[in-house]
Amino acid sequence: MPGPIERSSVVKFFGTPDRTEGNLNEPRERHQDGLTFNEMWIYLHPLRDPAGATQRAVLWRRYDYVGSLIRRSKDGDWEPDRSLPDALG
């Protein structure tokens, strides 16, 4: 089983996000698909995405990786994805 996902590992794999919602010190938490987070990194065209996603969001709660969501099409719904830990591990 892979270890904890670090922010630097995600940047090394995907590059810097195309868009960020919230931030590391955001006091308000958001909830989506059963995940609680305060920062979302959005990749609009992730290269070599492990799930073949059109878009990917990586969710953080301060420095801790919470989970990842993908869109299979540009206008599709966000859905949980568990392939990122193995790809980065």
C-alpha atoms as a PDB file:
ATOM      1  CA  MET A   1       0.000   0.000   0.000  1.00  0.00           C
ATOM      2  CA  PRO A   2       1.440   3.424  -0.930  1.00  0.00           C
ATOM      3  CA  GLY A   3       2.370   5.918   1.757  1.00  0.00           C
ATOM      4  CA  PRO A   4       0.794   9.322   2.307  1.00  0.00           C
ATOM      5  CA  ILE A   5       0.506  11.557  -0.739  1.00  0.00           C
ATOM      6  CA  GLU A   6       2.491  14.749  -0.497  1.00  0.00           C
ATOM      7  CA  ARG A   7       1.681  17.986  -2.289  1.00  0.00           C
ATOM      8  CA  SER A   8       5.095  17.998  -3.965  1.00  0.00           C
ATOM      9  CA  SER A   9       4.455  14.502  -5.392  1.00  0.00           C
ATOM     10  CA  VAL A  10       1.263  15.668  -7.060  1.00  0.00           C
ATOM     11  CA  VAL A  11       3.014  18.708  -8.556  1.00  0.00           C
ATOM     12  CA  LYS A  12       5.871  16.523  -9.753  1.00  0.00           C
ATOM     13  CA  PHE A  13       3.413  14.129 -11.444  1.00  0.00           C
ATOM     14  CA  PHE A  14       0.869  16.595 -12.923  1.00  0.00           C
ATOM     15  CA  GLY A  15       2.598  19.993 -12.729  1.00  0.00           C
ATOM     16  CA  THR A  16       0.984  23.022 -11.117  1.00  0.00           C
ATOM     17  CA  PRO A  17      -2.811  23.018 -11.096  1.00  0.00           C
ATOM     18  CA  ASP A  18      -4.715  24.992 -13.718  1.00  0.00           C
ATOM     19  CA  ARG A  19      -7.002  26.355 -11.027  1.00  0.00           C
ATOM     20  CA  THR A  20      -7.155  26.311  -7.237  1.00  0.00           C
ATOM     21  CA  GLU A  21     -10.241  26.757  -5.073  1.00  0.00           C
ATOM     22  CA  GLY A  22      -9.697  27.554  -1.400  1.00  0.00           C
ATOM     23  CA  ASN A  23      -6.216  27.441   0.060  1.00  0.00           C
ATOM     24  CA  LEU A  24      -4.005  25.790   2.616  1.00  0.00           C
ATOM     25  CA  ASN A  25      -5.170  28.048   5.456  1.00  0.00           C
ATOM     26  CA  GLU A  26      -8.811  28.344   4.407  1.00  0.00           C
ATOM     27  CA  PRO A  27     -10.796  28.079   7.644  1.00  0.00           C
ATOM     28  CA  ARG A  28     -13.996  27.032   5.867  1.00  0.00           C
ATOM     29  CA  GLU A  29     -14.300  23.396   4.954  1.00  0.00           C
ATOM     30  CA  ARG A  30     -16.209  22.104   1.963  1.00  0.00           C
ATOM     31  CA  HIS A  31     -17.883  18.743   1.512  1.00  0.00           C
ATOM     32  CA  GLN A  32     -18.295  16.809  -1.713  1.00  0.00           C
ATOM     33  CA  ASP A  33     -18.874  13.120  -2.390  1.00  0.00           C
ATOM     34  CA  GLY A  34     -18.341  12.306   1.289  1.00  0.00           C
ATOM     35  CA  LEU A  35     -14.976  14.119   1.413  1.00  0.00           C
ATOM     36  CA  THR A  36     -14.160  17.103   3.645  1.00  0.00           C
ATOM     37  CA  PHE A  37     -11.525  19.526   2.368  1.00  0.00           C
ATOM     38  CA  ASN A  38     -10.473  23.171   2.342  1.00  0.00           C
ATOM     39  CA  GLU A  39      -8.424  23.259  -0.874  1.00  0.00           C
ATOM     40  CA  MET A  40      -9.078  21.838  -4.335  1.00  0.00           C
ATOM     41  CA  TRP A  41      -6.462  21.662  -7.083  1.00  0.00           C
ATOM     42  CA  ILE A  42      -8.072  21.364 -10.509  1.00  0.00           C
ATOM     43  CA  TYR A  43      -6.258  20.014 -13.553  1.00  0.00           C
ATOM     44  CA  LEU A  44      -8.244  20.800 -16.702  1.00  0.00           C
ATOM     45  CA  HIS A  45      -6.185  18.614 -19.050  1.00  0.00           C
ATOM     46  CA  PRO A  46      -4.081  16.259 -16.927  1.00  0.00           C
ATOM     47  CA  LEU A  47      -1.336  14.539 -18.884  1.00  0.00           C
ATOM     48  CA  ARG A  48      -0.815  10.826 -18.256  1.00  0.00           C
ATOM     49  CA  ASP A  49      -3.782  10.671 -15.886  1.00  0.00           C
ATOM     50  CA  PRO A  50      -3.865   7.206 -14.267  1.00  0.00           C
ATOM     51  CA  ALA A  51      -7.637   6.932 -14.800  1.00  0.00           C
ATOM     52  CA  GLY A  52      -7.599   8.471 -18.285  1.00  0.00           C
ATOM     53  CA  ALA A  53      -9.627  11.397 -16.914  1.00  0.00           C
ATOM     54  CA  THR A  54     -10.411  14.532 -18.896  1.00  0.00           C
ATOM     55  CA  GLN A  55     -10.207  16.607 -15.697  1.00  0.00           C
ATOM     56  CA  ARG A  56      -8.976  15.830 -12.201  1.00  0.00           C
ATOM     57  CA  ALA A  57      -9.410  17.536  -8.841  1.00  0.00           C
ATOM     58  CA  VAL A  58      -7.078  16.770  -5.943  1.00  0.00           C
ATOM     59  CA  LEU A  59      -8.542  17.558  -2.519  1.00  0.00           C
ATOM     60  CA  TRP A  60      -6.547  18.657   0.523  1.00  0.00           C
ATOM     61  CA  ARG A  61      -7.316  19.341   4.146  1.00  0.00           C
ATOM     62  CA  ARG A  62      -4.401  21.601   4.972  1.00  0.00           C
ATOM     63  CA  TYR A  63      -1.344  19.476   4.100  1.00  0.00           C
ATOM     64  CA  ASP A  64      -3.191  16.151   4.102  1.00  0.00           C
ATOM     65  CA  TYR A  65      -4.407  14.472   0.932  1.00  0.00           C
ATOM     66  CA  VAL A  66      -8.122  13.758   1.240  1.00  0.00           C
ATOM     67  CA  GLY A  67      -8.967  12.242  -2.118  1.00  0.00           C
ATOM     68  CA  SER A  68      -9.359  12.859  -5.798  1.00  0.00           C
ATOM     69  CA  LEU A  69     -12.270  13.395  -8.147  1.00  0.00           C
ATOM     70  CA  ILE A  70     -12.307  12.964 -11.910  1.00  0.00           C
ATOM     71  CA  ARG A  71     -14.450  13.937 -14.843  1.00  0.00           C
ATOM     72  CA  ARG A  72     -14.550  11.515 -17.729  1.00  0.00           C
ATOM     73  CA  SER A  73     -15.801  14.276 -20.055  1.00  0.00           C
ATOM     74  CA  LYS A  74     -15.443  18.063 -19.975  1.00  0.00           C
ATOM     75  CA  ASP A  75     -19.038  18.621 -18.818  1.00  0.00           C
ATOM     76  CA  GLY A  76     -19.426  15.384 -16.865  1.00  0.00           C
ATOM     77  CA  ASP A  77     -20.096  15.060 -13.163  1.00  0.00           C
ATOM     78  CA  TRP A  78     -17.239  14.776 -10.703  1.00  0.00           C
ATOM     79  CA  GLU A  79     -16.812  11.214  -9.436  1.00  0.00           C
ATOM     80  CA  PRO A  80     -14.463   9.790  -6.797  1.00  0.00           C
ATOM     81  CA  ASP A  81     -11.313   8.088  -8.064  1.00  0.00           C
ATOM     82  CA  ARG A  82      -8.869   5.941  -6.122  1.00  0.00           C
ATOM     83  CA  SER A  83      -6.140   5.463  -8.763  1.00  0.00           C
ATOM     84  CA  LEU A  84      -3.906   8.380  -7.706  1.00  0.00           C
ATOM     85  CA  PRO A  85      -2.252   6.789  -4.628  1.00  0.00           C
ATOM     86  CA  ASP A  86      -1.058   3.806  -6.683  1.00  0.00           C
ATOM     87  CA  ALA A  87       0.190   6.058  -9.497  1.00  0.00           C
ATOM     88  CA  LEU A  88       2.208   8.180  -7.065  1.00  0.00           C
ATOM     89  CA  GLY A  89       3.275   5.325  -4.813  1.00  0.00           C
END
